[in-house]
């Protein structure tokens, strides 16, 4: 888990709802110590993410413009991170298609699809 929360104020273009939610999720993970959401933690965790995202949106809207932009590019705007997200989404779609088509396969301990048995 990353130790730093991304600076969103002063970005051009302004921080997207996706970037705000990602920062909120990172914050809630850090302060709760929940790195993998389970059925027991899901409801409280997601409620906390939504609340932090809402407050973050409000504060970003209410603060005056920054004089200087943030020194680093937020992760969701970095090409390497975008590539990892796209690869993860493609793997998830392939896995869902395998289930829809009834193709035999196994899962690893994280639920990711493995080759057919």
C-alpha atoms as a PDB file:
ATOM      1  CA  UNK A   1       0.000   0.000   0.000  1.00  0.00           C
ATOM      2  CA  UNK A   2       1.292   3.444  -0.914  1.00  0.00           C
ATOM      3  CA  UNK A   3       2.360   5.663   1.972  1.00  0.00           C
ATOM      4  CA  UNK A   4       1.461   8.938   0.291  1.00  0.00           C
ATOM      5  CA  UNK A   5      -1.948  10.302  -0.511  1.00  0.00           C
ATOM      6  CA  UNK A   6      -2.036  11.997  -3.924  1.00  0.00           C
ATOM      7  CA  UNK A   7      -2.311  15.804  -4.026  1.00  0.00           C
ATOM      8  CA  UNK A   8      -5.403  16.646  -6.067  1.00  0.00           C
ATOM      9  CA  UNK A   9      -5.759  20.388  -5.542  1.00  0.00           C
ATOM     10  CA  UNK A  10      -4.456  22.488  -8.409  1.00  0.00           C
ATOM     11  CA  UNK A  11      -4.475  19.834 -11.110  1.00  0.00           C
ATOM     12  CA  UNK A  12      -5.140  20.837 -14.700  1.00  0.00           C
ATOM     13  CA  UNK A  13      -7.612  19.587 -15.684  1.00  0.00           C
ATOM     14  CA  UNK A  14      -9.165  19.417 -12.215  1.00  0.00           C
ATOM     15  CA  UNK A  15      -9.254  16.103 -10.367  1.00  0.00           C
ATOM     16  CA  UNK A  16     -11.863  13.715 -11.744  1.00  0.00           C
ATOM     17  CA  UNK A  17     -14.409  11.859  -9.618  1.00  0.00           C
ATOM     18  CA  UNK A  18     -12.365   8.692 -10.295  1.00  0.00           C
ATOM     19  CA  UNK A  19      -9.165  10.324  -8.958  1.00  0.00           C
ATOM     20  CA  UNK A  20     -10.994  11.626  -5.889  1.00  0.00           C
ATOM     21  CA  UNK A  21     -12.463   8.192  -5.165  1.00  0.00           C
ATOM     22  CA  UNK A  22      -9.057   6.523  -5.625  1.00  0.00           C
ATOM     23  CA  UNK A  23      -7.492   8.950  -3.124  1.00  0.00           C
ATOM     24  CA  UNK A  24     -10.381   8.383  -0.691  1.00  0.00           C
ATOM     25  CA  UNK A  25      -9.972   4.599  -1.028  1.00  0.00           C
ATOM     26  CA  UNK A  26      -6.230   4.923  -0.410  1.00  0.00           C
ATOM     27  CA  UNK A  27      -6.852   7.063   2.684  1.00  0.00           C
ATOM     28  CA  UNK A  28      -9.459   4.679   4.131  1.00  0.00           C
ATOM     29  CA  UNK A  29      -7.175   1.687   3.498  1.00  0.00           C
ATOM     30  CA  UNK A  30      -4.328   3.442   5.275  1.00  0.00           C
ATOM     31  CA  UNK A  31      -6.217   4.565   8.374  1.00  0.00           C
ATOM     32  CA  UNK A  32      -8.176   1.316   8.812  1.00  0.00           C
ATOM     33  CA  UNK A  33      -5.447  -1.135   7.887  1.00  0.00           C
ATOM     34  CA  UNK A  34      -7.927  -2.922   5.603  1.00  0.00           C
ATOM     35  CA  UNK A  35      -5.937  -3.917   2.539  1.00  0.00           C
ATOM     36  CA  UNK A  36      -8.408  -6.467   1.176  1.00  0.00           C
ATOM     37  CA  UNK A  37     -12.114  -5.836   1.614  1.00  0.00           C
ATOM     38  CA  UNK A  38     -14.071  -8.843   2.861  1.00  0.00           C
ATOM     39  CA  UNK A  39     -17.783  -9.414   3.360  1.00  0.00           C
ATOM     40  CA  UNK A  40     -17.317  -8.426   7.018  1.00  0.00           C
ATOM     41  CA  UNK A  41     -15.665  -5.072   6.168  1.00  0.00           C
ATOM     42  CA  UNK A  42     -17.220  -4.171   2.782  1.00  0.00           C
ATOM     43  CA  UNK A  43     -20.230  -2.117   3.903  1.00  0.00           C
ATOM     44  CA  UNK A  44     -18.384   0.040   6.447  1.00  0.00           C
ATOM     45  CA  UNK A  45     -15.374   0.404   4.153  1.00  0.00           C
ATOM     46  CA  UNK A  46     -17.410   1.526   1.120  1.00  0.00           C
ATOM     47  CA  UNK A  47     -19.471   3.905   3.272  1.00  0.00           C
ATOM     48  CA  UNK A  48     -16.241   5.471   4.556  1.00  0.00           C
ATOM     49  CA  UNK A  49     -14.824   5.787   1.009  1.00  0.00           C
ATOM     50  CA  UNK A  50     -18.016   7.535  -0.151  1.00  0.00           C
ATOM     51  CA  UNK A  51     -17.947   9.921   2.818  1.00  0.00           C
ATOM     52  CA  UNK A  52     -14.250  10.795   2.361  1.00  0.00           C
ATOM     53  CA  UNK A  53     -14.764  11.284  -1.395  1.00  0.00           C
ATOM     54  CA  UNK A  54     -17.721  13.613  -0.771  1.00  0.00           C
ATOM     55  CA  UNK A  55     -15.795  15.702   1.754  1.00  0.00           C
ATOM     56  CA  UNK A  56     -12.766  15.788  -0.563  1.00  0.00           C
ATOM     57  CA  UNK A  57     -14.908  17.034  -3.452  1.00  0.00           C
ATOM     58  CA  UNK A  58     -16.378  19.748  -1.234  1.00  0.00           C
ATOM     59  CA  UNK A  59     -13.025  20.959   0.078  1.00  0.00           C
ATOM     60  CA  UNK A  60     -11.466  20.999  -3.404  1.00  0.00           C
ATOM     61  CA  UNK A  61     -14.415  23.071  -4.652  1.00  0.00           C
ATOM     62  CA  UNK A  62     -14.222  25.509  -1.738  1.00  0.00           C
ATOM     63  CA  UNK A  63     -10.462  26.137  -1.550  1.00  0.00           C
ATOM     64  CA  UNK A  64      -8.954  28.946  -3.626  1.00  0.00           C
ATOM     65  CA  UNK A  65      -6.866  28.071  -6.684  1.00  0.00           C
ATOM     66  CA  UNK A  66      -3.266  27.025  -6.040  1.00  0.00           C
ATOM     67  CA  UNK A  67      -0.472  29.296  -7.163  1.00  0.00           C
ATOM     68  CA  UNK A  68       1.660  26.336  -8.268  1.00  0.00           C
ATOM     69  CA  UNK A  69       0.525  22.933  -9.510  1.00  0.00           C
ATOM     70  CA  UNK A  70       1.363  19.787  -7.504  1.00  0.00           C
ATOM     71  CA  UNK A  71       4.947  18.591  -7.931  1.00  0.00           C
ATOM     72  CA  UNK A  72       3.956  15.058  -8.957  1.00  0.00           C
ATOM     73  CA  UNK A  73       1.484  13.632 -11.458  1.00  0.00           C
ATOM     74  CA  UNK A  74      -1.345  11.670  -9.830  1.00  0.00           C
ATOM     75  CA  UNK A  75      -1.068   7.916 -10.411  1.00  0.00           C
ATOM     76  CA  UNK A  76      -4.266   7.672 -12.480  1.00  0.00           C
ATOM     77  CA  UNK A  77      -2.737  10.128 -14.964  1.00  0.00           C
ATOM     78  CA  UNK A  78       0.496   8.136 -15.427  1.00  0.00           C
ATOM     79  CA  UNK A  79       0.719   6.024 -18.609  1.00  0.00           C
ATOM     80  CA  UNK A  80       2.173   2.984 -16.804  1.00  0.00           C
ATOM     81  CA  UNK A  81      -0.668   2.991 -14.276  1.00  0.00           C
ATOM     82  CA  UNK A  82      -3.258   3.394 -17.035  1.00  0.00           C
ATOM     83  CA  UNK A  83      -1.713   0.388 -18.826  1.00  0.00           C
ATOM     84  CA  UNK A  84      -1.897  -1.746 -15.649  1.00  0.00           C
ATOM     85  CA  UNK A  85      -5.546  -0.766 -15.129  1.00  0.00           C
ATOM     86  CA  UNK A  86      -6.380  -1.596 -18.767  1.00  0.00           C
ATOM     87  CA  UNK A  87      -4.649  -4.993 -18.459  1.00  0.00           C
ATOM     88  CA  UNK A  88      -6.520  -5.763 -15.232  1.00  0.00           C
ATOM     89  CA  UNK A  89      -9.842  -4.803 -16.843  1.00  0.00           C
ATOM     90  CA  UNK A  90      -9.092  -6.971 -19.908  1.00  0.00           C
ATOM     91  CA  UNK A  91      -8.288  -9.950 -17.663  1.00  0.00           C
ATOM     92  CA  UNK A  92     -11.496  -9.384 -15.689  1.00  0.00           C
ATOM     93  CA  UNK A  93     -13.568  -9.222 -18.897  1.00  0.00           C
ATOM     94  CA  UNK A  94     -11.920 -12.411 -20.188  1.00  0.00           C
ATOM     95  CA  UNK A  95     -12.704 -14.117 -16.876  1.00  0.00           C
ATOM     96  CA  UNK A  96     -16.336 -12.985 -16.996  1.00  0.00           C
ATOM     97  CA  UNK A  97     -16.626 -14.250 -20.592  1.00  0.00           C
ATOM     98  CA  UNK A  98     -15.252 -17.638 -19.473  1.00  0.00           C
ATOM     99  CA  UNK A  99     -18.000 -17.830 -16.834  1.00  0.00           C
ATOM    100  CA  UNK A 100     -20.695 -16.745 -19.311  1.00  0.00           C
ATOM    101  CA  UNK A 101     -19.571 -19.367 -21.837  1.00  0.00           C
ATOM    102  CA  UNK A 102     -19.238 -22.059 -19.173  1.00  0.00           C
ATOM    103  CA  UNK A 103     -15.550 -22.647 -19.980  1.00  0.00           C
ATOM    104  CA  UNK A 104     -13.714 -24.814 -17.477  1.00  0.00           C
ATOM    105  CA  UNK A 105     -11.071 -22.960 -15.475  1.00  0.00           C
ATOM    106  CA  UNK A 106      -9.735 -22.623 -11.940  1.00  0.00           C
ATOM    107  CA  UNK A 107      -9.114 -19.642  -9.688  1.00  0.00           C
ATOM    108  CA  UNK A 108      -6.119 -18.605  -7.624  1.00  0.00           C
ATOM    109  CA  UNK A 109      -6.447 -17.575  -3.958  1.00  0.00           C
ATOM    110  CA  UNK A 110      -7.347 -13.997  -5.042  1.00  0.00           C
ATOM    111  CA  UNK A 111     -10.087 -15.203  -7.387  1.00  0.00           C
ATOM    112  CA  UNK A 112      -8.132 -14.556 -10.586  1.00  0.00           C
ATOM    113  CA  UNK A 113      -8.677 -16.957 -13.446  1.00  0.00           C
ATOM    114  CA  UNK A 114      -6.090 -19.670 -14.062  1.00  0.00           C
ATOM    115  CA  UNK A 115      -5.801 -21.980 -17.034  1.00  0.00           C
ATOM    116  CA  UNK A 116      -8.255 -24.829 -17.514  1.00  0.00           C
ATOM    117  CA  UNK A 117      -7.586 -27.803 -15.221  1.00  0.00           C
END
